């Protein structure tokens, strides 16, 4: 029985990431805001790249105790306004809008694929 349990543990993918990796991923996601003509929209107001990035970093710093993974950052910090509950939006060239949560998860997936 112990041998089967040990084999099971060996077969599990490593899900834990270091704090440095989480910080690097979050910084990468924040740096994506404003690239490729994409604009960050918060509470129906469009923000400059600099303002949007500053807002996300500030919100992250104020709530870092709740962020233990990059997914936490996306779900708890970068997805919606705490004040109004409105989801953040990203509008890219061509006018297409994406809910920020989806946009950030797409960017995270692409970044992780590039790193592997």
PDB file of N, CA and C in Angstrom:
ATOM      1  N   UNK A   1       0.829  -1.202   0.000  1.00  0.00           N
ATOM      2  CA  UNK A   1       0.000   0.000   0.000  1.00  0.00           C
ATOM      3  C   UNK A   1       0.872   1.263   0.000  1.00  0.00           C
ATOM      4  N   UNK A   2       1.911   1.290   0.834  1.00  0.00           N
ATOM      5  CA  UNK A   2       2.793   2.451   0.866  1.00  0.00           C
ATOM      6  C   UNK A   2       3.459   2.659  -0.486  1.00  0.00           C
ATOM      7  N   UNK A   3       3.804   1.566  -1.157  1.00  0.00           N
ATOM      8  CA  UNK A   3       4.453   1.660  -2.461  1.00  0.00           C
ATOM      9  C   UNK A   3       3.497   2.300  -3.481  1.00  0.00           C
ATOM     10  N   UNK A   4       2.220   1.897  -3.468  1.00  0.00           N
ATOM     11  CA  UNK A   4       1.247   2.490  -4.379  1.00  0.00           C
ATOM     12  C   UNK A   4       1.082   3.979  -4.108  1.00  0.00           C
ATOM     13  N   UNK A   5       1.029   4.354  -2.844  1.00  0.00           N
ATOM     14  CA  UNK A   5       0.896   5.756  -2.480  1.00  0.00           C
ATOM     15  C   UNK A   5       2.106   6.539  -2.949  1.00  0.00           C
ATOM     16  N   UNK A   6       3.298   5.982  -2.782  1.00  0.00           N
ATOM     17  CA  UNK A   6       4.521   6.646  -3.236  1.00  0.00           C
ATOM     18  C   UNK A   6       4.505   6.818  -4.748  1.00  0.00           C
ATOM     19  N   UNK A   7       4.053   5.806  -5.477  1.00  0.00           N
ATOM     20  CA  UNK A   7       3.972   5.916  -6.932  1.00  0.00           C
ATOM     21  C   UNK A   7       2.968   6.985  -7.342  1.00  0.00           C
ATOM     22  N   UNK A   8       1.868   7.064  -6.616  1.00  0.00           N
ATOM     23  CA  UNK A   8       0.859   8.072  -6.886  1.00  0.00           C
ATOM     24  C   UNK A   8       1.451   9.469  -6.715  1.00  0.00           C
ATOM     25  N   UNK A   9       2.203   9.671  -5.639  1.00  0.00           N
ATOM     26  CA  UNK A   9       2.809  10.974  -5.391  1.00  0.00           C
ATOM     27  C   UNK A   9       3.813  11.341  -6.474  1.00  0.00           C
ATOM     28  N   UNK A  10       4.562  10.374  -6.959  1.00  0.00           N
ATOM     29  CA  UNK A  10       5.536  10.633  -8.004  1.00  0.00           C
ATOM     30  C   UNK A  10       4.835  11.039  -9.297  1.00  0.00           C
ATOM     31  N   UNK A  11       3.670  10.461  -9.554  1.00  0.00           N
ATOM     32  CA  UNK A  11       2.954  10.725 -10.794  1.00  0.00           C
ATOM     33  C   UNK A  11       2.229  12.070 -10.798  1.00  0.00           C
ATOM     34  N   UNK A  12       2.026  12.675  -9.640  1.00  0.00           N
ATOM     35  CA  UNK A  12       1.334  13.957  -9.578  1.00  0.00           C
ATOM     36  C   UNK A  12       2.179  15.051 -10.205  1.00  0.00           C
ATOM     37  N   UNK A  13       1.564  15.927 -10.981  1.00  0.00           N
ATOM     38  CA  UNK A  13       2.327  17.045 -11.528  1.00  0.00           C
ATOM     39  C   UNK A  13       2.674  18.025 -10.417  1.00  0.00           C
ATOM     40  N   UNK A  14       3.778  18.674 -10.565  1.00  0.00           N
ATOM     41  CA  UNK A  14       4.185  19.666  -9.577  1.00  0.00           C
ATOM     42  C   UNK A  14       3.388  20.926  -9.830  1.00  0.00           C
ATOM     43  N   UNK A  15       2.553  21.298  -8.859  1.00  0.00           N
ATOM     44  CA  UNK A  15       1.679  22.458  -9.019  1.00  0.00           C
ATOM     45  C   UNK A  15       2.191  23.670  -8.251  1.00  0.00           C
ATOM     46  N   UNK A  16       3.014  23.423  -7.258  1.00  0.00           N
ATOM     47  CA  UNK A  16       3.498  24.519  -6.442  1.00  0.00           C
ATOM     48  C   UNK A  16       4.475  25.373  -7.234  1.00  0.00           C
ATOM     49  N   UNK A  17       4.362  26.665  -7.075  1.00  0.00           N
ATOM     50  CA  UNK A  17       5.293  27.575  -7.711  1.00  0.00           C
ATOM     51  C   UNK A  17       5.912  28.436  -6.638  1.00  0.00           C
ATOM     52  N   UNK A  18       7.112  28.881  -6.887  1.00  0.00           N
ATOM     53  CA  UNK A  18       7.782  29.722  -5.907  1.00  0.00           C
ATOM     54  C   UNK A  18       7.184  31.121  -5.939  1.00  0.00           C
ATOM     55  N   UNK A  19       7.410  31.846  -4.866  1.00  0.00           N
ATOM     56  CA  UNK A  19       6.922  33.224  -4.798  1.00  0.00           C
ATOM     57  C   UNK A  19       7.537  34.055  -5.913  1.00  0.00           C
ATOM     58  N   UNK A  20       8.810  33.787  -6.238  1.00  0.00           N
ATOM     59  CA  UNK A  20       9.458  34.521  -7.326  1.00  0.00           C
ATOM     60  C   UNK A  20       8.745  34.273  -8.640  1.00  0.00           C
ATOM     61  N   UNK A  21       8.368  33.022  -8.901  1.00  0.00           N
ATOM     62  CA  UNK A  21       7.675  32.698 -10.138  1.00  0.00           C
ATOM     63  C   UNK A  21       6.326  33.404 -10.191  1.00  0.00           C
ATOM     64  N   UNK A  22       5.600  33.392  -9.098  1.00  0.00           N
ATOM     65  CA  UNK A  22       4.300  34.068  -9.041  1.00  0.00           C
ATOM     66  C   UNK A  22       4.495  35.560  -9.308  1.00  0.00           C
ATOM     67  N   UNK A  23       5.454  36.177  -8.646  1.00  0.00           N
ATOM     68  CA  UNK A  23       5.718  37.602  -8.858  1.00  0.00           C
ATOM     69  C   UNK A  23       6.093  37.880 -10.310  1.00  0.00           C
ATOM     70  N   UNK A  24       6.934  37.032 -10.887  1.00  0.00           N
ATOM     71  CA  UNK A  24       7.336  37.209 -12.288  1.00  0.00           C
ATOM     72  C   UNK A  24       6.135  37.093 -13.219  1.00  0.00           C
ATOM     73  N   UNK A  25       5.284  36.102 -12.973  1.00  0.00           N
ATOM     74  CA  UNK A  25       4.104  35.939 -13.820  1.00  0.00           C
ATOM     75  C   UNK A  25       3.167  37.128 -13.710  1.00  0.00           C
ATOM     76  N   UNK A  26       2.955  37.613 -12.493  1.00  0.00           N
ATOM     77  CA  UNK A  26       2.065  38.757 -12.302  1.00  0.00           C
ATOM     78  C   UNK A  26       2.645  39.996 -12.978  1.00  0.00           C
ATOM     79  N   UNK A  27       3.931  40.220 -12.811  1.00  0.00           N
ATOM     80  CA  UNK A  27       4.564  41.363 -13.482  1.00  0.00           C
ATOM     81  C   UNK A  27       4.440  41.240 -14.998  1.00  0.00           C
ATOM     82  N   UNK A  28       4.591  40.020 -15.515  1.00  0.00           N
ATOM     83  CA  UNK A  28       4.432  39.795 -16.948  1.00  0.00           C
ATOM     84  C   UNK A  28       3.014  40.148 -17.395  1.00  0.00           C
ATOM     85  N   UNK A  29       2.024  39.710 -16.626  1.00  0.00           N
ATOM     86  CA  UNK A  29       0.629  40.018 -16.972  1.00  0.00           C
ATOM     87  C   UNK A  29       0.367  41.520 -16.943  1.00  0.00           C
ATOM     88  N   UNK A  30       0.864  42.181 -15.921  1.00  0.00           N
ATOM     89  CA  UNK A  30       0.667  43.626 -15.830  1.00  0.00           C
ATOM     90  C   UNK A  30       1.335  44.324 -17.007  1.00  0.00           C
ATOM     91  N   UNK A  31       2.513  43.832 -17.400  1.00  0.00           N
ATOM     92  CA  UNK A  31       3.218  44.461 -18.529  1.00  0.00           C
ATOM     93  C   UNK A  31       2.486  44.253 -19.852  1.00  0.00           C
ATOM     94  N   UNK A  32       1.600  43.270 -19.927  1.00  0.00           N
ATOM     95  CA  UNK A  32       0.818  43.023 -21.144  1.00  0.00           C
ATOM     96  C   UNK A  32      -0.274  44.070 -21.351  1.00  0.00           C
ATOM     97  N   UNK A  33      -0.692  44.709 -20.267  1.00  0.00           N
ATOM     98  CA  UNK A  33      -1.735  45.737 -20.361  1.00  0.00           C
ATOM     99  C   UNK A  33      -1.203  46.887 -21.209  1.00  0.00           C
ATOM    100  N   UNK A  34      -1.936  47.224 -22.239  1.00  0.00           N
ATOM    101  CA  UNK A  34      -1.552  48.318 -23.117  1.00  0.00           C
ATOM    102  C   UNK A  34      -0.783  47.890 -24.349  1.00  0.00           C
ATOM    103  N   UNK A  35      -0.315  46.653 -24.385  1.00  0.00           N
ATOM    104  CA  UNK A  35       0.404  46.167 -25.572  1.00  0.00           C
ATOM    105  C   UNK A  35      -0.591  45.857 -26.682  1.00  0.00           C
ATOM    106  N   UNK A  36      -0.109  45.886 -27.886  1.00  0.00           N
ATOM    107  CA  UNK A  36      -0.907  45.546 -29.070  1.00  0.00           C
ATOM    108  C   UNK A  36      -2.177  46.380 -29.179  1.00  0.00           C
ATOM    109  N   UNK A  37      -2.125  47.598 -28.688  1.00  0.00           N
ATOM    110  CA  UNK A  37      -3.278  48.480 -28.810  1.00  0.00           C
ATOM    111  C   UNK A  37      -4.430  48.130 -27.893  1.00  0.00           C
ATOM    112  N   UNK A  38      -4.201  47.300 -26.891  1.00  0.00           N
ATOM    113  CA  UNK A  38      -5.270  46.909 -25.966  1.00  0.00           C
ATOM    114  C   UNK A  38      -5.379  47.930 -24.837  1.00  0.00           C
ATOM    115  N   UNK A  39      -6.585  48.334 -24.550  1.00  0.00           N
ATOM    116  CA  UNK A  39      -6.857  49.319 -23.496  1.00  0.00           C
ATOM    117  C   UNK A  39      -7.627  48.677 -22.349  1.00  0.00           C
ATOM    118  N   UNK A  40      -7.313  49.121 -21.162  1.00  0.00           N
ATOM    119  CA  UNK A  40      -7.922  48.627 -19.934  1.00  0.00           C
ATOM    120  C   UNK A  40      -9.098  49.531 -19.584  1.00  0.00           C
ATOM    121  N   UNK A  41     -10.255  48.923 -19.334  1.00  0.00           N
ATOM    122  CA  UNK A  41     -11.459  49.688 -19.002  1.00  0.00           C
ATOM    123  C   UNK A  41     -11.931  49.273 -17.621  1.00  0.00           C
ATOM    124  N   UNK A  42     -12.060  50.265 -16.767  1.00  0.00           N
ATOM    125  CA  UNK A  42     -12.481  50.042 -15.385  1.00  0.00           C
ATOM    126  C   UNK A  42     -13.647  50.976 -15.097  1.00  0.00           C
ATOM    127  N   UNK A  43     -14.761  50.391 -14.652  1.00  0.00           N
ATOM    128  CA  UNK A  43     -15.964  51.177 -14.350  1.00  0.00           C
ATOM    129  C   UNK A  43     -16.346  52.077 -15.523  1.00  0.00           C
ATOM    130  N   UNK A  44     -16.317  51.488 -16.708  1.00  0.00           N
ATOM    131  CA  UNK A  44     -16.709  52.124 -17.962  1.00  0.00           C
ATOM    132  C   UNK A  44     -15.811  53.293 -18.369  1.00  0.00           C
ATOM    133  N   UNK A  45     -14.656  53.410 -17.745  1.00  0.00           N
ATOM    134  CA  UNK A  45     -13.710  54.469 -18.098  1.00  0.00           C
ATOM    135  C   UNK A  45     -12.427  53.832 -18.629  1.00  0.00           C
ATOM    136  N   UNK A  46     -11.971  54.316 -19.762  1.00  0.00           N
ATOM    137  CA  UNK A  46     -10.749  53.809 -20.378  1.00  0.00           C
ATOM    138  C   UNK A  46      -9.539  54.455 -19.705  1.00  0.00           C
ATOM    139  N   UNK A  47      -8.542  53.622 -19.368  1.00  0.00           N
ATOM    140  CA  UNK A  47      -7.357  54.105 -18.674  1.00  0.00           C
ATOM    141  C   UNK A  47      -6.134  54.028 -19.573  1.00  0.00           C
ATOM    142  N   UNK A  48      -5.218  54.962 -19.367  1.00  0.00           N
ATOM    143  CA  UNK A  48      -3.954  54.906 -20.084  1.00  0.00           C
ATOM    144  C   UNK A  48      -3.192  53.667 -19.615  1.00  0.00           C
ATOM    145  N   UNK A  49      -2.240  53.248 -20.422  1.00  0.00           N
ATOM    146  CA  UNK A  49      -1.422  52.085 -20.062  1.00  0.00           C
ATOM    147  C   UNK A  49      -0.771  52.298 -18.699  1.00  0.00           C
ATOM    148  N   UNK A  50      -0.179  53.451 -18.518  1.00  0.00           N
ATOM    149  CA  UNK A  50       0.517  53.761 -17.258  1.00  0.00           C
ATOM    150  C   UNK A  50      -0.445  53.713 -16.069  1.00  0.00           C
ATOM    151  N   UNK A  51      -1.612  54.319 -16.196  1.00  0.00           N
ATOM    152  CA  UNK A  51      -2.590  54.342 -15.097  1.00  0.00           C
ATOM    153  C   UNK A  51      -3.127  52.951 -14.786  1.00  0.00           C
ATOM    154  N   UNK A  52      -3.409  52.187 -15.824  1.00  0.00           N
ATOM    155  CA  UNK A  52      -3.940  50.835 -15.626  1.00  0.00           C
ATOM    156  C   UNK A  52      -2.918  49.955 -14.912  1.00  0.00           C
ATOM    157  N   UNK A  53      -1.680  50.008 -15.367  1.00  0.00           N
ATOM    158  CA  UNK A  53      -0.629  49.209 -14.725  1.00  0.00           C
ATOM    159  C   UNK A  53      -0.419  49.641 -13.277  1.00  0.00           C
ATOM    160  N   UNK A  54      -0.409  50.946 -13.040  1.00  0.00           N
ATOM    161  CA  UNK A  54      -0.236  51.459 -11.678  1.00  0.00           C
ATOM    162  C   UNK A  54      -1.386  51.010 -10.784  1.00  0.00           C
ATOM    163  N   UNK A  55      -2.596  51.047 -11.309  1.00  0.00           N
ATOM    164  CA  UNK A  55      -3.764  50.618 -10.533  1.00  0.00           C
ATOM    165  C   UNK A  55      -3.644  49.140 -10.140  1.00  0.00           C
ATOM    166  N   UNK A  56      -3.292  48.297 -11.105  1.00  0.00           N
ATOM    167  CA  UNK A  56      -3.178  46.864 -10.825  1.00  0.00           C
ATOM    168  C   UNK A  56      -2.066  46.574  -9.822  1.00  0.00           C
ATOM    169  N   UNK A  57      -0.926  47.250  -9.979  1.00  0.00           N
ATOM    170  CA  UNK A  57       0.177  47.049  -9.021  1.00  0.00           C
ATOM    171  C   UNK A  57      -0.215  47.509  -7.621  1.00  0.00           C
ATOM    172  N   UNK A  58      -0.864  48.662  -7.532  1.00  0.00           N
ATOM    173  CA  UNK A  58      -1.288  49.195  -6.237  1.00  0.00           C
ATOM    174  C   UNK A  58      -2.295  48.255  -5.565  1.00  0.00           C
ATOM    175  N   UNK A  59      -3.251  47.797  -6.344  1.00  0.00           N
ATOM    176  CA  UNK A  59      -4.271  46.891  -5.807  1.00  0.00           C
ATOM    177  C   UNK A  59      -3.631  45.579  -5.347  1.00  0.00           C
ATOM    178  N   UNK A  60      -2.647  45.103  -6.097  1.00  0.00           N
ATOM    179  CA  UNK A  60      -1.906  43.888  -5.741  1.00  0.00           C
ATOM    180  C   UNK A  60      -1.144  44.095  -4.437  1.00  0.00           C
ATOM    181  N   UNK A  61      -0.419  45.211  -4.327  1.00  0.00           N
ATOM    182  CA  UNK A  61       0.350  45.499  -3.119  1.00  0.00           C
ATOM    183  C   UNK A  61      -0.553  45.600  -1.889  1.00  0.00           C
ATOM    184  N   UNK A  62      -1.700  46.235  -2.037  1.00  0.00           N
ATOM    185  CA  UNK A  62      -2.618  46.395  -0.910  1.00  0.00           C
ATOM    186  C   UNK A  62      -3.256  45.079  -0.477  1.00  0.00           C
ATOM    187  N   UNK A  63      -3.299  44.103  -1.371  1.00  0.00           N
ATOM    188  CA  UNK A  63      -3.980  42.835  -1.096  1.00  0.00           C
ATOM    189  C   UNK A  63      -3.076  41.620  -1.244  1.00  0.00           C
ATOM    190  N   UNK A  64      -1.767  41.824  -1.161  1.00  0.00           N
ATOM    191  CA  UNK A  64      -0.838  40.728  -1.431  1.00  0.00           C
ATOM    192  C   UNK A  64      -1.018  39.535  -0.485  1.00  0.00           C
ATOM    193  N   UNK A  65      -1.557  39.760   0.694  1.00  0.00           N
ATOM    194  CA  UNK A  65      -1.774  38.652   1.618  1.00  0.00           C
ATOM    195  C   UNK A  65      -2.815  37.656   1.100  1.00  0.00           C
ATOM    196  N   UNK A  66      -3.630  38.075   0.145  1.00  0.00           N
ATOM    197  CA  UNK A  66      -4.658  37.207  -0.433  1.00  0.00           C
ATOM    198  C   UNK A  66      -4.219  36.550  -1.737  1.00  0.00           C
ATOM    199  N   UNK A  67      -3.006  36.878  -2.171  1.00  0.00           N
ATOM    200  CA  UNK A  67      -2.515  36.377  -3.457  1.00  0.00           C
ATOM    201  C   UNK A  67      -1.377  35.386  -3.219  1.00  0.00           C
ATOM    202  N   UNK A  68      -1.688  34.108  -3.393  1.00  0.00           N
ATOM    203  CA  UNK A  68      -0.660  33.081  -3.243  1.00  0.00           C
ATOM    204  C   UNK A  68      -0.307  32.430  -4.568  1.00  0.00           C
ATOM    205  N   UNK A  69      -1.044  32.791  -5.618  1.00  0.00           N
ATOM    206  CA  UNK A  69      -0.778  32.249  -6.951  1.00  0.00           C
ATOM    207  C   UNK A  69      -1.144  33.311  -7.989  1.00  0.00           C
ATOM    208  N   UNK A  70      -0.682  33.100  -9.188  1.00  0.00           N
ATOM    209  CA  UNK A  70      -1.031  34.020 -10.270  1.00  0.00           C
ATOM    210  C   UNK A  70      -2.527  33.972 -10.537  1.00  0.00           C
ATOM    211  N   UNK A  71      -3.104  32.784 -10.392  1.00  0.00           N
ATOM    212  CA  UNK A  71      -4.554  32.644 -10.565  1.00  0.00           C
ATOM    213  C   UNK A  71      -5.306  33.470  -9.528  1.00  0.00           C
ATOM    214  N   UNK A  72      -4.792  33.520  -8.291  1.00  0.00           N
ATOM    215  CA  UNK A  72      -5.392  34.377  -7.271  1.00  0.00           C
ATOM    216  C   UNK A  72      -5.361  35.839  -7.704  1.00  0.00           C
ATOM    217  N   UNK A  73      -4.229  36.257  -8.256  1.00  0.00           N
ATOM    218  CA  UNK A  73      -4.116  37.644  -8.722  1.00  0.00           C
ATOM    219  C   UNK A  73      -5.195  37.944  -9.755  1.00  0.00           C
ATOM    220  N   UNK A  74      -5.352  37.038 -10.707  1.00  0.00           N
ATOM    221  CA  UNK A  74      -6.357  37.268 -11.751  1.00  0.00           C
ATOM    222  C   UNK A  74      -7.754  37.291 -11.154  1.00  0.00           C
ATOM    223  N   UNK A  75      -8.073  36.294 -10.351  1.00  0.00           N
ATOM    224  CA  UNK A  75      -9.427  36.170  -9.802  1.00  0.00           C
ATOM    225  C   UNK A  75      -9.774  37.244  -8.775  1.00  0.00           C
ATOM    226  N   UNK A  76      -8.809  37.612  -7.940  1.00  0.00           N
ATOM    227  CA  UNK A  76      -9.109  38.499  -6.814  1.00  0.00           C
ATOM    228  C   UNK A  76      -8.729  39.958  -7.047  1.00  0.00           C
ATOM    229  N   UNK A  77      -7.785  40.210  -7.950  1.00  0.00           N
ATOM    230  CA  UNK A  77      -7.270  41.567  -8.119  1.00  0.00           C
ATOM    231  C   UNK A  77      -7.598  42.149  -9.493  1.00  0.00           C
ATOM    232  N   UNK A  78      -7.328  41.402 -10.553  1.00  0.00           N
ATOM    233  CA  UNK A  78      -7.329  41.951 -11.907  1.00  0.00           C
ATOM    234  C   UNK A  78      -8.631  41.748 -12.675  1.00  0.00           C
ATOM    235  N   UNK A  79      -9.668  41.258 -12.015  1.00  0.00           N
ATOM    236  CA  UNK A  79     -10.892  40.909 -12.737  1.00  0.00           C
ATOM    237  C   UNK A  79     -12.033  41.906 -12.607  1.00  0.00           C
ATOM    238  N   UNK A  80     -12.129  42.546 -11.453  1.00  0.00           N
ATOM    239  CA  UNK A  80     -13.282  43.425 -11.263  1.00  0.00           C
ATOM    240  C   UNK A  80     -13.014  44.478 -10.212  1.00  0.00           C
ATOM    241  N   UNK A  81     -13.836  45.496 -10.252  1.00  0.00           N
ATOM    242  CA  UNK A  81     -13.773  46.576  -9.284  1.00  0.00           C
ATOM    243  C   UNK A  81     -14.336  46.096  -7.947  1.00  0.00           C
ATOM    244  N   UNK A  82     -13.582  46.312  -6.904  1.00  0.00           N
ATOM    245  CA  UNK A  82     -14.070  45.966  -5.571  1.00  0.00           C
ATOM    246  C   UNK A  82     -15.197  46.907  -5.170  1.00  0.00           C
ATOM    247  N   UNK A  83     -15.106  48.148  -5.599  1.00  0.00           N
ATOM    248  CA  UNK A  83     -16.093  49.162  -5.233  1.00  0.00           C
ATOM    249  C   UNK A  83     -17.447  48.922  -5.882  1.00  0.00           C
ATOM    250  N   UNK A  84     -17.459  48.696  -7.193  1.00  0.00           N
ATOM    251  CA  UNK A  84     -18.731  48.576  -7.916  1.00  0.00           C
ATOM    252  C   UNK A  84     -19.113  47.137  -8.254  1.00  0.00           C
ATOM    253  N   UNK A  85     -18.138  46.237  -8.227  1.00  0.00           N
ATOM    254  CA  UNK A  85     -18.397  44.855  -8.624  1.00  0.00           C
ATOM    255  C   UNK A  85     -18.394  44.649 -10.127  1.00  0.00           C
ATOM    256  N   UNK A  86     -18.189  45.735 -10.882  1.00  0.00           N
ATOM    257  CA  UNK A  86     -18.164  45.660 -12.346  1.00  0.00           C
ATOM    258  C   UNK A  86     -16.902  44.948 -12.814  1.00  0.00           C
ATOM    259  N   UNK A  87     -17.042  44.053 -13.787  1.00  0.00           N
ATOM    260  CA  UNK A  87     -15.842  43.400 -14.317  1.00  0.00           C
ATOM    261  C   UNK A  87     -14.994  44.397 -15.102  1.00  0.00           C
ATOM    262  N   UNK A  88     -13.677  44.218 -15.022  1.00  0.00           N
ATOM    263  CA  UNK A  88     -12.782  45.002 -15.864  1.00  0.00           C
ATOM    264  C   UNK A  88     -12.884  44.438 -17.276  1.00  0.00           C
ATOM    265  N   UNK A  89     -12.649  45.297 -18.245  1.00  0.00           N
ATOM    266  CA  UNK A  89     -12.737  44.937 -19.657  1.00  0.00           C
ATOM    267  C   UNK A  89     -11.422  45.319 -20.330  1.00  0.00           C
ATOM    268  N   UNK A  90     -11.037  44.551 -21.334  1.00  0.00           N
ATOM    269  CA  UNK A  90      -9.909  44.914 -22.183  1.00  0.00           C
ATOM    270  C   UNK A  90     -10.450  45.054 -23.599  1.00  0.00           C
ATOM    271  N   UNK A  91     -10.217  46.215 -24.197  1.00  0.00           N
ATOM    272  CA  UNK A  91     -10.648  46.472 -25.572  1.00  0.00           C
ATOM    273  C   UNK A  91      -9.396  46.601 -26.431  1.00  0.00           C
ATOM    274  N   UNK A  92      -9.294  45.747 -27.421  1.00  0.00           N
ATOM    275  CA  UNK A  92      -8.128  45.737 -28.304  1.00  0.00           C
ATOM    276  C   UNK A  92      -8.474  46.351 -29.645  1.00  0.00           C
ATOM    277  N   UNK A  93      -7.466  46.498 -30.484  1.00  0.00           N
ATOM    278  CA  UNK A  93      -7.682  47.049 -31.828  1.00  0.00           C
ATOM    279  C   UNK A  93      -8.821  46.324 -32.506  1.00  0.00           C
ATOM    280  N   UNK A  94      -9.569  47.052 -33.270  1.00  0.00           N
ATOM    281  CA  UNK A  94     -10.712  46.455 -33.941  1.00  0.00           C
ATOM    282  C   UNK A  94     -11.965  46.552 -33.097  1.00  0.00           C
ATOM    283  N   UNK A  95     -11.827  47.018 -31.843  1.00  0.00           N
ATOM    284  CA  UNK A  95     -12.973  47.237 -30.991  1.00  0.00           C
ATOM    285  C   UNK A  95     -13.468  46.039 -30.209  1.00  0.00           C
ATOM    286  N   UNK A  96     -12.861  44.850 -30.419  1.00  0.00           N
ATOM    287  CA  UNK A  96     -13.356  43.692 -29.675  1.00  0.00           C
ATOM    288  C   UNK A  96     -13.048  43.845 -28.190  1.00  0.00           C
ATOM    289  N   UNK A  97     -14.027  43.513 -27.386  1.00  0.00           N
ATOM    290  CA  UNK A  97     -13.885  43.608 -25.936  1.00  0.00           C
ATOM    291  C   UNK A  97     -13.856  42.214 -25.336  1.00  0.00           C
ATOM    292  N   UNK A  98     -13.026  42.062 -24.321  1.00  0.00           N
ATOM    293  CA  UNK A  98     -12.912  40.795 -23.596  1.00  0.00           C
ATOM    294  C   UNK A  98     -12.974  41.110 -22.116  1.00  0.00           C
ATOM    295  N   UNK A  99     -13.646  40.281 -21.375  1.00  0.00           N
ATOM    296  CA  UNK A  99     -13.625  40.421 -19.918  1.00  0.00           C
ATOM    297  C   UNK A  99     -12.182  40.222 -19.474  1.00  0.00           C
ATOM    298  N   UNK A 100     -11.698  41.112 -18.634  1.00  0.00           N
ATOM    299  CA  UNK A 100     -10.289  41.096 -18.241  1.00  0.00           C
ATOM    300  C   UNK A 100      -9.858  39.750 -17.674  1.00  0.00           C
ATOM    301  N   UNK A 101     -10.730  39.115 -16.927  1.00  0.00           N
ATOM    302  CA  UNK A 101     -10.391  37.816 -16.343  1.00  0.00           C
ATOM    303  C   UNK A 101     -10.000  36.827 -17.440  1.00  0.00           C
ATOM    304  N   UNK A 102     -10.780  36.749 -18.497  1.00  0.00           N
ATOM    305  CA  UNK A 102     -10.475  35.846 -19.612  1.00  0.00           C
ATOM    306  C   UNK A 102      -9.193  36.274 -20.311  1.00  0.00           C
ATOM    307  N   UNK A 103      -9.042  37.573 -20.520  1.00  0.00           N
ATOM    308  CA  UNK A 103      -7.874  38.106 -21.202  1.00  0.00           C
ATOM    309  C   UNK A 103      -6.596  37.764 -20.441  1.00  0.00           C
ATOM    310  N   UNK A 104      -6.624  37.970 -19.108  1.00  0.00           N
ATOM    311  CA  UNK A 104      -5.445  37.662 -18.300  1.00  0.00           C
ATOM    312  C   UNK A 104      -5.149  36.165 -18.290  1.00  0.00           C
ATOM    313  N   UNK A 105      -6.174  35.321 -18.213  1.00  0.00           N
ATOM    314  CA  UNK A 105      -5.932  33.877 -18.245  1.00  0.00           C
ATOM    315  C   UNK A 105      -5.360  33.444 -19.597  1.00  0.00           C
ATOM    316  N   UNK A 106      -5.806  34.047 -20.688  1.00  0.00           N
ATOM    317  CA  UNK A 106      -5.228  33.747 -22.006  1.00  0.00           C
ATOM    318  C   UNK A 106      -3.754  34.120 -22.035  1.00  0.00           C
ATOM    319  N   UNK A 107      -3.432  35.285 -21.498  1.00  0.00           N
ATOM    320  CA  UNK A 107      -2.033  35.735 -21.462  1.00  0.00           C
ATOM    321  C   UNK A 107      -1.187  34.838 -20.560  1.00  0.00           C
ATOM    322  N   UNK A 108      -1.736  34.413 -19.433  1.00  0.00           N
ATOM    323  CA  UNK A 108      -1.003  33.530 -18.520  1.00  0.00           C
ATOM    324  C   UNK A 108      -0.720  32.191 -19.195  1.00  0.00           C
ATOM    325  N   UNK A 109      -1.710  31.632 -19.856  1.00  0.00           N
ATOM    326  CA  UNK A 109      -1.545  30.365 -20.562  1.00  0.00           C
ATOM    327  C   UNK A 109      -0.445  30.483 -21.621  1.00  0.00           C
ATOM    328  N   UNK A 110      -0.476  31.564 -22.395  1.00  0.00           N
ATOM    329  CA  UNK A 110       0.536  31.776 -23.441  1.00  0.00           C
ATOM    330  C   UNK A 110       1.927  31.938 -22.827  1.00  0.00           C
ATOM    331  N   UNK A 111       2.023  32.696 -21.740  1.00  0.00           N
ATOM    332  CA  UNK A 111       3.308  32.911 -21.081  1.00  0.00           C
ATOM    333  C   UNK A 111       3.881  31.599 -20.554  1.00  0.00           C
ATOM    334  N   UNK A 112       3.051  30.808 -19.907  1.00  0.00           N
ATOM    335  CA  UNK A 112       3.522  29.530 -19.373  1.00  0.00           C
ATOM    336  C   UNK A 112       3.944  28.581 -20.493  1.00  0.00           C
ATOM    337  N   UNK A 113       3.243  28.603 -21.608  1.00  0.00           N
ATOM    338  CA  UNK A 113       3.646  27.769 -22.741  1.00  0.00           C
ATOM    339  C   UNK A 113       4.997  28.198 -23.288  1.00  0.00           C
ATOM    340  N   UNK A 114       5.248  29.507 -23.326  1.00  0.00           N
ATOM    341  CA  UNK A 114       6.543  30.006 -23.800  1.00  0.00           C
ATOM    342  C   UNK A 114       7.676  29.597 -22.863  1.00  0.00           C
ATOM    343  N   UNK A 115       7.375  29.514 -21.575  1.00  0.00           N
ATOM    344  CA  UNK A 115       8.400  29.199 -20.578  1.00  0.00           C
ATOM    345  C   UNK A 115       8.742  27.704 -20.522  1.00  0.00           C
ATOM    346  N   UNK A 116       7.831  26.859 -21.012  1.00  0.00           N
ATOM    347  CA  UNK A 116       8.079  25.423 -20.906  1.00  0.00           C
ATOM    348  C   UNK A 116       8.759  24.862 -22.127  1.00  0.00           C
TER     349      UNK A 116
END
